[in-house]
Amino acid sequence: MGGIYFSWYDTDPIAIIEDLAADTLLDFIARLADSQGEDEYFTREIEMNLVWREADAQVNFAARGNETKEMTKRLREARDHVYNAHYLVGARQGVEAAKEIQAVIRTLYGTTPESATR
């Protein structure tokens, strides 16, 4: 009977993303840079969903008056970058997606990715 058999065990491990901390996003960028095959991009899409969920939750939290107007604006801008990155990961454009995630770091922390964790 030939054919290709696929198992969840064949996929790249999924990293749990629970925040938008600079080190979390830098780790995601590193995984994006290493992604080449369909299974790796499939995993990055799942992780991208987690990044989106967190970015959207932060905007919703801020919209309820829990953040300053400036921070709410920055969170919305960051979410826009996450949205763009999500599309780019789906299109298998990892480098461009990584640039969007770098923009999230700059937006939230006002810094370049290299100095975000120093």
N, C-alpha and C. Protein backbone atom coordinates (compact mmCIF):
# COMPACT_ATOMS: atom_id res chain seq x y z
N MET A 1 0.85 -1.18 0.00
CA MET A 1 0.00 0.00 0.00
C MET A 1 0.88 1.23 0.00
N GLY A 2 1.53 1.80 -0.53
CA GLY A 2 2.39 2.97 -0.43
C GLY A 2 1.65 4.20 0.06
N GLY A 3 2.32 5.27 0.03
CA GLY A 3 1.71 6.52 0.44
C GLY A 3 2.55 7.23 1.49
N ILE A 4 2.18 8.41 1.72
CA ILE A 4 2.86 9.21 2.73
C ILE A 4 2.01 9.23 3.97
N TYR A 5 2.62 8.91 5.07
CA TYR A 5 1.92 8.92 6.34
C TYR A 5 2.45 10.06 7.18
N PHE A 6 1.57 10.81 7.77
CA PHE A 6 1.94 11.97 8.56
C PHE A 6 1.49 11.76 9.99
N SER A 7 2.32 12.15 10.91
CA SER A 7 2.00 12.04 12.33
C SER A 7 2.37 13.35 13.01
N TRP A 8 1.66 13.68 14.08
CA TRP A 8 2.00 14.87 14.85
C TRP A 8 3.42 14.75 15.39
N TYR A 9 3.90 13.54 15.53
CA TYR A 9 5.27 13.35 16.02
C TYR A 9 6.30 13.78 14.99
N ASP A 10 5.87 13.95 13.74
CA ASP A 10 6.78 14.37 12.67
C ASP A 10 6.98 15.88 12.63
N THR A 11 6.19 16.62 13.37
CA THR A 11 6.27 18.08 13.28
C THR A 11 7.36 18.63 14.19
N ASP A 12 7.78 19.82 13.85
CA ASP A 12 8.71 20.58 14.67
C ASP A 12 8.01 20.87 16.00
N PRO A 13 8.70 20.81 17.13
CA PRO A 13 8.04 21.09 18.42
C PRO A 13 7.44 22.50 18.45
N ILE A 14 6.26 22.59 19.03
CA ILE A 14 5.56 23.87 19.15
C ILE A 14 5.97 24.54 20.46
N ALA A 15 6.43 25.77 20.36
CA ALA A 15 6.77 26.53 21.56
C ALA A 15 5.51 27.21 22.09
N ILE A 16 5.31 27.13 23.37
CA ILE A 16 4.17 27.79 23.99
C ILE A 16 4.51 29.27 24.15
N ILE A 17 3.66 30.12 23.62
CA ILE A 17 3.88 31.56 23.69
C ILE A 17 2.77 32.15 24.55
N GLU A 18 3.18 32.68 25.72
CA GLU A 18 2.21 33.18 26.68
C GLU A 18 2.33 34.67 26.94
N ASP A 19 3.24 35.33 26.23
CA ASP A 19 3.41 36.76 26.44
C ASP A 19 4.09 37.38 25.22
N LEU A 20 4.23 38.68 25.26
CA LEU A 20 4.91 39.40 24.19
C LEU A 20 6.24 39.96 24.69
N ALA A 21 6.85 39.30 25.64
CA ALA A 21 8.14 39.73 26.16
C ALA A 21 9.17 39.68 25.05
N ALA A 22 10.15 40.56 25.14
CA ALA A 22 11.18 40.64 24.10
C ALA A 22 11.88 39.30 23.89
N ASP A 23 12.22 38.61 24.97
CA ASP A 23 12.92 37.33 24.80
C ASP A 23 12.02 36.27 24.15
N THR A 24 10.74 36.29 24.44
CA THR A 24 9.80 35.37 23.80
C THR A 24 9.77 35.63 22.30
N LEU A 25 9.68 36.90 21.92
CA LEU A 25 9.62 37.25 20.51
C LEU A 25 10.95 36.99 19.80
N LEU A 26 12.06 37.22 20.49
CA LEU A 26 13.37 36.92 19.90
C LEU A 26 13.53 35.42 19.65
N ASP A 27 13.06 34.61 20.58
CA ASP A 27 13.09 33.15 20.38
C ASP A 27 12.25 32.76 19.17
N PHE A 28 11.10 33.39 19.03
CA PHE A 28 10.23 33.10 17.88
C PHE A 28 10.94 33.49 16.58
N ILE A 29 11.59 34.65 16.57
CA ILE A 29 12.33 35.08 15.38
C ILE A 29 13.40 34.06 15.02
N ALA A 30 14.10 33.54 16.02
CA ALA A 30 15.14 32.54 15.76
C ALA A 30 14.54 31.28 15.15
N ARG A 31 13.38 30.85 15.65
CA ARG A 31 12.74 29.67 15.06
C ARG A 31 12.27 29.95 13.63
N LEU A 32 11.80 31.17 13.39
CA LEU A 32 11.41 31.54 12.03
C LEU A 32 12.61 31.46 11.09
N ALA A 33 13.74 31.94 11.56
CA ALA A 33 14.95 31.94 10.73
C ALA A 33 15.39 30.52 10.37
N ASP A 34 15.12 29.58 11.25
CA ASP A 34 15.51 28.19 11.01
C ASP A 34 14.47 27.40 10.22
N SER A 35 13.30 27.96 10.01
CA SER A 35 12.22 27.24 9.33
C SER A 35 12.48 27.14 7.84
N GLN A 36 12.33 25.91 7.33
CA GLN A 36 12.55 25.70 5.91
C GLN A 36 11.45 24.85 5.28
N GLY A 37 11.15 23.74 5.88
CA GLY A 37 10.19 22.82 5.29
C GLY A 37 8.76 23.13 5.68
N GLU A 38 7.85 22.45 5.02
CA GLU A 38 6.42 22.64 5.29
C GLU A 38 6.07 22.35 6.73
N ASP A 39 6.65 21.29 7.30
CA ASP A 39 6.31 20.95 8.69
C ASP A 39 6.77 22.04 9.65
N GLU A 40 7.92 22.65 9.37
CA GLU A 40 8.40 23.71 10.24
C GLU A 40 7.53 24.96 10.10
N TYR A 41 7.13 25.28 8.88
CA TYR A 41 6.26 26.44 8.70
C TYR A 41 4.87 26.18 9.29
N PHE A 42 4.42 24.95 9.22
CA PHE A 42 3.15 24.59 9.85
C PHE A 42 3.21 24.87 11.35
N THR A 43 4.32 24.50 11.97
CA THR A 43 4.51 24.75 13.39
C THR A 43 4.59 26.25 13.67
N ARG A 44 5.28 26.99 12.84
CA ARG A 44 5.37 28.45 13.02
C ARG A 44 4.00 29.09 12.91
N GLU A 45 3.14 28.56 12.03
CA GLU A 45 1.78 29.10 11.93
C GLU A 45 1.01 28.89 13.23
N ILE A 46 1.18 27.74 13.84
CA ILE A 46 0.52 27.48 15.13
C ILE A 46 1.05 28.46 16.17
N GLU A 47 2.37 28.64 16.21
CA GLU A 47 2.95 29.59 17.16
C GLU A 47 2.49 31.01 16.85
N MET A 48 2.36 31.33 15.58
CA MET A 48 1.89 32.66 15.18
C MET A 48 0.48 32.90 15.70
N ASN A 49 -0.34 31.85 15.72
CA ASN A 49 -1.68 31.97 16.30
C ASN A 49 -1.60 32.33 17.79
N LEU A 50 -0.61 31.76 18.48
CA LEU A 50 -0.43 32.07 19.89
C LEU A 50 0.03 33.51 20.08
N VAL A 51 0.92 33.98 19.21
CA VAL A 51 1.36 35.37 19.28
C VAL A 51 0.17 36.30 19.03
N TRP A 52 -0.62 35.97 18.02
CA TRP A 52 -1.81 36.77 17.72
C TRP A 52 -2.76 36.82 18.91
N ARG A 53 -3.01 35.66 19.49
CA ARG A 53 -3.92 35.60 20.64
C ARG A 53 -3.45 36.52 21.75
N GLU A 54 -2.16 36.51 22.03
CA GLU A 54 -1.62 37.35 23.10
C GLU A 54 -1.69 38.82 22.72
N ALA A 55 -1.35 39.16 21.48
CA ALA A 55 -1.40 40.56 21.04
C ALA A 55 -2.83 41.09 21.09
N ASP A 56 -3.77 40.30 20.65
CA ASP A 56 -5.18 40.72 20.66
C ASP A 56 -5.69 40.86 22.09
N ALA A 57 -5.30 39.93 22.97
CA ALA A 57 -5.72 40.01 24.37
C ALA A 57 -5.18 41.28 25.02
N GLN A 58 -3.94 41.64 24.70
CA GLN A 58 -3.35 42.85 25.27
C GLN A 58 -4.10 44.10 24.81
N VAL A 59 -4.49 44.13 23.54
CA VAL A 59 -5.26 45.27 23.02
C VAL A 59 -6.62 45.34 23.70
N ASN A 60 -7.28 44.21 23.86
CA ASN A 60 -8.59 44.19 24.52
C ASN A 60 -8.48 44.63 25.97
N PHE A 61 -7.44 44.21 26.65
CA PHE A 61 -7.20 44.62 28.03
C PHE A 61 -7.01 46.13 28.10
N ALA A 62 -6.20 46.65 27.18
CA ALA A 62 -5.93 48.09 27.14
C ALA A 62 -7.19 48.89 26.81
N ALA A 63 -8.00 48.36 25.91
CA ALA A 63 -9.21 49.06 25.48
C ALA A 63 -10.23 49.23 26.62
N ARG A 64 -10.14 48.39 27.61
CA ARG A 64 -11.03 48.50 28.77
C ARG A 64 -10.55 49.56 29.75
N GLY A 65 -9.56 50.35 29.34
CA GLY A 65 -9.07 51.42 30.19
C GLY A 65 -7.99 51.01 31.15
N ASN A 66 -7.39 49.86 30.90
CA ASN A 66 -6.37 49.35 31.81
C ASN A 66 -4.96 49.80 31.45
N GLU A 67 -4.82 50.60 30.41
CA GLU A 67 -3.52 51.11 29.99
C GLU A 67 -3.65 52.57 29.62
N THR A 68 -2.53 53.26 29.55
CA THR A 68 -2.54 54.65 29.10
C THR A 68 -2.89 54.70 27.62
N LYS A 69 -3.28 55.88 27.15
CA LYS A 69 -3.60 56.03 25.72
C LYS A 69 -2.38 55.71 24.86
N GLU A 70 -1.21 56.16 25.30
CA GLU A 70 0.02 55.89 24.54
C GLU A 70 0.29 54.40 24.44
N MET A 71 0.16 53.68 25.55
CA MET A 71 0.42 52.24 25.52
C MET A 71 -0.64 51.52 24.70
N THR A 72 -1.88 51.95 24.79
CA THR A 72 -2.95 51.35 23.98
C THR A 72 -2.64 51.52 22.50
N LYS A 73 -2.16 52.70 22.12
CA LYS A 73 -1.78 52.96 20.73
C LYS A 73 -0.64 52.03 20.31
N ARG A 74 0.36 51.87 21.16
CA ARG A 74 1.49 51.00 20.85
C ARG A 74 1.07 49.54 20.75
N LEU A 75 0.17 49.12 21.62
CA LEU A 75 -0.31 47.74 21.56
C LEU A 75 -1.08 47.47 20.27
N ARG A 76 -1.88 48.44 19.85
CA ARG A 76 -2.61 48.29 18.58
C ARG A 76 -1.64 48.21 17.40
N GLU A 77 -0.62 49.05 17.42
CA GLU A 77 0.38 49.02 16.36
C GLU A 77 1.12 47.68 16.36
N ALA A 78 1.46 47.20 17.54
CA ALA A 78 2.13 45.90 17.65
C ALA A 78 1.24 44.80 17.10
N ARG A 79 -0.04 44.85 17.43
CA ARG A 79 -0.97 43.83 16.91
C ARG A 79 -1.04 43.89 15.39
N ASP A 80 -0.98 45.08 14.81
CA ASP A 80 -0.97 45.21 13.35
C ASP A 80 0.26 44.51 12.75
N HIS A 81 1.40 44.67 13.40
CA HIS A 81 2.61 43.99 12.93
C HIS A 81 2.47 42.47 13.05
N VAL A 82 1.86 42.02 14.14
CA VAL A 82 1.62 40.58 14.32
C VAL A 82 0.70 40.06 13.22
N TYR A 83 -0.33 40.82 12.90
CA TYR A 83 -1.24 40.43 11.83
C TYR A 83 -0.47 40.26 10.51
N ASN A 84 0.37 41.24 10.20
CA ASN A 84 1.16 41.16 8.97
C ASN A 84 2.09 39.95 9.00
N ALA A 85 2.73 39.71 10.14
CA ALA A 85 3.63 38.57 10.27
C ALA A 85 2.88 37.26 10.09
N HIS A 86 1.68 37.19 10.62
CA HIS A 86 0.87 35.97 10.49
C HIS A 86 0.63 35.65 9.02
N TYR A 87 0.27 36.64 8.25
CA TYR A 87 0.06 36.45 6.82
C TYR A 87 1.36 35.97 6.15
N LEU A 88 2.47 36.59 6.49
CA LEU A 88 3.75 36.27 5.87
C LEU A 88 4.22 34.86 6.21
N VAL A 89 3.97 34.41 7.43
CA VAL A 89 4.32 33.04 7.79
C VAL A 89 3.50 32.07 6.93
N GLY A 90 2.22 32.37 6.77
CA GLY A 90 1.37 31.53 5.93
C GLY A 90 1.83 31.49 4.48
N ALA A 91 2.42 32.59 4.03
CA ALA A 91 2.94 32.68 2.66
C ALA A 91 4.36 32.15 2.56
N ARG A 92 4.88 31.59 3.65
CA ARG A 92 6.23 31.03 3.71
C ARG A 92 7.31 32.08 3.45
N GLN A 93 7.07 33.28 3.94
CA GLN A 93 8.04 34.37 3.83
C GLN A 93 8.59 34.67 5.22
N GLY A 94 9.42 33.74 5.71
CA GLY A 94 9.93 33.81 7.06
C GLY A 94 10.75 35.05 7.37
N VAL A 95 11.59 35.47 6.44
CA VAL A 95 12.43 36.65 6.69
C VAL A 95 11.56 37.89 6.86
N GLU A 96 10.59 38.06 5.99
CA GLU A 96 9.70 39.22 6.09
C GLU A 96 8.85 39.15 7.36
N ALA A 97 8.41 37.94 7.72
CA ALA A 97 7.65 37.78 8.96
C ALA A 97 8.51 38.14 10.17
N ALA A 98 9.78 37.73 10.14
CA ALA A 98 10.69 38.06 11.23
C ALA A 98 10.86 39.57 11.37
N LYS A 99 10.90 40.28 10.24
CA LYS A 99 11.01 41.74 10.28
C LYS A 99 9.78 42.35 10.96
N GLU A 100 8.63 41.80 10.72
CA GLU A 100 7.41 42.30 11.37
C GLU A 100 7.45 42.04 12.88
N ILE A 101 7.97 40.90 13.28
CA ILE A 101 8.08 40.61 14.71
C ILE A 101 9.13 41.53 15.34
N GLN A 102 10.20 41.84 14.61
CA GLN A 102 11.18 42.82 15.10
C GLN A 102 10.49 44.18 15.29
N ALA A 103 9.58 44.52 14.40
CA ALA A 103 8.84 45.78 14.53
C ALA A 103 7.96 45.77 15.78
N VAL A 104 7.45 44.60 16.16
CA VAL A 104 6.69 44.48 17.40
C VAL A 104 7.58 44.85 18.58
N ILE A 105 8.79 44.32 18.58
CA ILE A 105 9.73 44.62 19.67
C ILE A 105 10.03 46.11 19.72
N ARG A 106 10.30 46.70 18.57
CA ARG A 106 10.57 48.15 18.54
C ARG A 106 9.37 48.94 19.03
N THR A 107 8.19 48.54 18.62
CA THR A 107 6.97 49.25 19.00
C THR A 107 6.71 49.16 20.50
N LEU A 108 6.85 47.98 21.05
CA LEU A 108 6.53 47.79 22.46
C LEU A 108 7.63 48.27 23.40
N TYR A 109 8.87 48.12 22.96
CA TYR A 109 9.98 48.39 23.88
C TYR A 109 10.85 49.56 23.43
N GLY A 110 10.54 50.14 22.26
CA GLY A 110 11.27 51.30 21.79
C GLY A 110 12.74 51.03 21.58
N THR A 111 13.03 49.83 21.13
CA THR A 111 14.42 49.43 21.00
C THR A 111 14.60 48.49 19.83
N THR A 112 15.82 48.20 19.50
CA THR A 112 16.11 47.22 18.46
C THR A 112 16.09 45.84 19.09
N PRO A 113 15.83 44.81 18.32
CA PRO A 113 15.77 43.45 18.89
C PRO A 113 17.05 43.05 19.62
N GLU A 114 18.21 43.49 19.13
CA GLU A 114 19.47 43.08 19.73
C GLU A 114 19.62 43.61 21.16
N SER A 115 19.08 44.79 21.44
CA SER A 115 19.25 45.38 22.77
C SER A 115 18.03 45.21 23.66
N ALA A 116 17.02 44.49 23.20
CA ALA A 116 15.77 44.38 23.94
C ALA A 116 15.92 43.59 25.24
N THR A 117 16.87 42.70 25.30
CA THR A 117 16.99 41.87 26.49
C THR A 117 18.17 42.27 27.37
N ARG A 118 18.81 43.38 27.04
CA ARG A 118 19.97 43.81 27.83
C ARG A 118 19.54 44.71 28.96
